[in-house]
Amino acid sequence: MTANLIGLIAGLVLAAVDFALLTMLGRRMDLAGPRGVLRITAIVQLIAFPIIGWFLGPYLFGEI
């Protein structure tokens, strides 16, 4: 397993946990505005964290 894949998996796990927490927090809110913002933030992080992990993995594990 390369450092890129390790970073990708770590980013995906972190994004999934963050997605679950933000979604749970959004369900507890009464207002629709903040709920929508939390939902959009969760989706963006679900996409961005694995991509960031792909590029940060080699730096953290010393392949570059």
N, C-alpha and C. Protein backbone atom coordinates (compact mmCIF):
# COMPACT_ATOMS: atom_id res chain seq x y z
N MET A 1 0.84 -1.17 0.00
CA MET A 1 0.00 0.00 0.00
C MET A 1 0.90 1.24 0.00
N THR A 2 0.65 2.11 -0.91
CA THR A 2 1.47 3.31 -1.01
C THR A 2 0.99 4.37 -0.02
N ALA A 3 1.83 5.36 0.17
CA ALA A 3 1.49 6.45 1.09
C ALA A 3 0.30 7.24 0.57
N ASN A 4 0.16 7.31 -0.75
CA ASN A 4 -1.00 8.01 -1.32
C ASN A 4 -2.31 7.33 -0.91
N LEU A 5 -2.32 6.01 -0.99
CA LEU A 5 -3.54 5.28 -0.62
C LEU A 5 -3.82 5.36 0.88
N ILE A 6 -2.77 5.34 1.69
CA ILE A 6 -2.96 5.48 3.13
C ILE A 6 -3.57 6.84 3.45
N GLY A 7 -3.06 7.89 2.82
CA GLY A 7 -3.61 9.22 3.02
C GLY A 7 -5.05 9.32 2.53
N LEU A 8 -5.34 8.68 1.40
CA LEU A 8 -6.69 8.68 0.86
C LEU A 8 -7.66 7.99 1.82
N ILE A 9 -7.27 6.84 2.33
CA ILE A 9 -8.13 6.10 3.26
C ILE A 9 -8.31 6.87 4.56
N ALA A 10 -7.23 7.45 5.07
CA ALA A 10 -7.33 8.24 6.30
C ALA A 10 -8.25 9.44 6.09
N GLY A 11 -8.14 10.11 4.96
CA GLY A 11 -9.01 11.23 4.65
C GLY A 11 -10.46 10.81 4.50
N LEU A 12 -10.68 9.65 3.91
CA LEU A 12 -12.04 9.15 3.74
C LEU A 12 -12.67 8.78 5.08
N VAL A 13 -11.89 8.16 5.95
CA VAL A 13 -12.41 7.81 7.28
C VAL A 13 -12.73 9.07 8.07
N LEU A 14 -11.82 10.03 8.05
CA LEU A 14 -12.05 11.29 8.76
C LEU A 14 -13.27 12.02 8.20
N ALA A 15 -13.41 12.02 6.89
CA ALA A 15 -14.55 12.69 6.26
C ALA A 15 -15.86 11.98 6.59
N ALA A 16 -15.85 10.65 6.65
CA ALA A 16 -17.07 9.91 6.98
C ALA A 16 -17.52 10.19 8.41
N VAL A 17 -16.56 10.23 9.34
CA VAL A 17 -16.89 10.54 10.73
C VAL A 17 -17.41 11.97 10.84
N ASP A 18 -16.74 12.89 10.17
CA ASP A 18 -17.17 14.29 10.20
C ASP A 18 -18.54 14.46 9.55
N PHE A 19 -18.78 13.73 8.46
CA PHE A 19 -20.09 13.77 7.79
C PHE A 19 -21.18 13.31 8.75
N ALA A 20 -20.93 12.22 9.46
CA ALA A 20 -21.93 11.70 10.41
C ALA A 20 -22.19 12.70 11.53
N LEU A 21 -21.14 13.30 12.06
CA LEU A 21 -21.31 14.26 13.15
C LEU A 21 -22.04 15.52 12.70
N LEU A 22 -21.68 16.04 11.53
CA LEU A 22 -22.35 17.24 11.03
C LEU A 22 -23.80 16.97 10.67
N THR A 23 -24.09 15.79 10.13
CA THR A 23 -25.46 15.43 9.81
C THR A 23 -26.29 15.28 11.08
N MET A 24 -25.70 14.66 12.10
CA MET A 24 -26.40 14.51 13.37
C MET A 24 -26.66 15.88 14.01
N LEU A 25 -25.69 16.77 13.93
CA LEU A 25 -25.88 18.11 14.47
C LEU A 25 -26.95 18.87 13.69
N GLY A 26 -26.97 18.70 12.37
CA GLY A 26 -27.98 19.36 11.54
C GLY A 26 -29.39 18.89 11.84
N ARG A 27 -29.54 17.63 12.20
CA ARG A 27 -30.87 17.12 12.55
C ARG A 27 -31.39 17.71 13.85
N ARG A 28 -30.50 18.12 14.72
CA ARG A 28 -30.92 18.66 16.01
C ARG A 28 -31.30 20.14 15.93
N MET A 29 -30.95 20.80 14.84
CA MET A 29 -31.24 22.23 14.70
C MET A 29 -32.67 22.43 14.20
N ASP A 30 -33.29 23.50 14.68
CA ASP A 30 -34.67 23.80 14.29
C ASP A 30 -34.74 24.65 13.02
N LEU A 31 -33.74 25.47 12.77
CA LEU A 31 -33.76 26.37 11.62
C LEU A 31 -33.26 25.66 10.37
N ALA A 32 -33.85 25.98 9.23
CA ALA A 32 -33.47 25.33 7.98
C ALA A 32 -32.17 25.87 7.41
N GLY A 33 -31.86 27.14 7.65
CA GLY A 33 -30.66 27.75 7.09
C GLY A 33 -29.37 27.09 7.55
N PRO A 34 -29.13 27.04 8.86
CA PRO A 34 -27.91 26.38 9.33
C PRO A 34 -27.87 24.89 9.01
N ARG A 35 -29.03 24.27 8.96
CA ARG A 35 -29.07 22.84 8.62
C ARG A 35 -28.55 22.62 7.20
N GLY A 36 -28.95 23.48 6.27
CA GLY A 36 -28.48 23.37 4.89
C GLY A 36 -27.00 23.65 4.76
N VAL A 37 -26.52 24.63 5.51
CA VAL A 37 -25.09 24.95 5.48
C VAL A 37 -24.27 23.78 6.01
N LEU A 38 -24.73 23.16 7.09
CA LEU A 38 -24.02 22.00 7.64
C LEU A 38 -24.02 20.84 6.65
N ARG A 39 -25.11 20.65 5.95
CA ARG A 39 -25.20 19.57 4.96
C ARG A 39 -24.23 19.81 3.81
N ILE A 40 -24.18 21.03 3.30
CA ILE A 40 -23.25 21.36 2.22
C ILE A 40 -21.81 21.21 2.68
N THR A 41 -21.52 21.67 3.89
CA THR A 41 -20.17 21.55 4.44
C THR A 41 -19.78 20.08 4.56
N ALA A 42 -20.68 19.24 5.01
CA ALA A 42 -20.39 17.82 5.16
C ALA A 42 -20.10 17.17 3.81
N ILE A 43 -20.85 17.53 2.79
CA ILE A 43 -20.64 16.95 1.46
C ILE A 43 -19.32 17.42 0.87
N VAL A 44 -19.00 18.70 1.03
CA VAL A 44 -17.73 19.23 0.51
C VAL A 44 -16.55 18.55 1.20
N GLN A 45 -16.66 18.37 2.51
CA GLN A 45 -15.57 17.71 3.24
C GLN A 45 -15.45 16.25 2.84
N LEU A 46 -16.56 15.60 2.53
CA LEU A 46 -16.52 14.21 2.10
C LEU A 46 -15.77 14.06 0.78
N ILE A 47 -15.79 15.09 -0.03
CA ILE A 47 -15.05 15.08 -1.29
C ILE A 47 -13.62 15.57 -1.10
N ALA A 48 -13.43 16.62 -0.31
CA ALA A 48 -12.12 17.27 -0.20
C ALA A 48 -11.12 16.50 0.67
N PHE A 49 -11.56 15.92 1.78
CA PHE A 49 -10.61 15.27 2.69
C PHE A 49 -9.85 14.11 2.05
N PRO A 50 -10.50 13.21 1.28
CA PRO A 50 -9.71 12.16 0.63
C PRO A 50 -8.71 12.71 -0.40
N ILE A 51 -9.09 13.77 -1.10
CA ILE A 51 -8.17 14.36 -2.08
C ILE A 51 -6.97 14.98 -1.37
N ILE A 52 -7.23 15.69 -0.28
CA ILE A 52 -6.14 16.28 0.50
C ILE A 52 -5.26 15.17 1.08
N GLY A 53 -5.88 14.10 1.58
CA GLY A 53 -5.13 12.97 2.12
C GLY A 53 -4.25 12.31 1.08
N TRP A 54 -4.72 12.24 -0.16
CA TRP A 54 -3.93 11.65 -1.25
C TRP A 54 -2.62 12.41 -1.44
N PHE A 55 -2.68 13.73 -1.35
CA PHE A 55 -1.48 14.53 -1.56
C PHE A 55 -0.64 14.68 -0.29
N LEU A 56 -1.25 14.63 0.89
CA LEU A 56 -0.49 14.76 2.13
C LEU A 56 0.15 13.45 2.59
N GLY A 57 -0.38 12.32 2.16
CA GLY A 57 0.14 11.02 2.57
C GLY A 57 1.63 10.85 2.32
N PRO A 58 2.13 11.14 1.13
CA PRO A 58 3.57 10.99 0.90
C PRO A 58 4.43 11.92 1.75
N TYR A 59 3.92 13.09 2.06
CA TYR A 59 4.69 14.01 2.91
C TYR A 59 4.77 13.50 4.34
N LEU A 60 3.69 12.92 4.82
CA LEU A 60 3.67 12.43 6.20
C LEU A 60 4.44 11.13 6.36
N PHE A 61 4.43 10.27 5.34
CA PHE A 61 5.07 8.97 5.45
C PHE A 61 6.41 8.91 4.74
N GLY A 62 6.91 10.02 4.24
CA GLY A 62 8.28 10.13 3.76
C GLY A 62 8.60 9.54 2.41
N GLU A 63 7.66 9.48 1.50
CA GLU A 63 7.98 8.97 0.17
C GLU A 63 8.47 10.07 -0.77
N ILE A 64 8.34 11.31 -0.36
CA ILE A 64 8.82 12.41 -1.21
C ILE A 64 10.05 13.01 -0.58
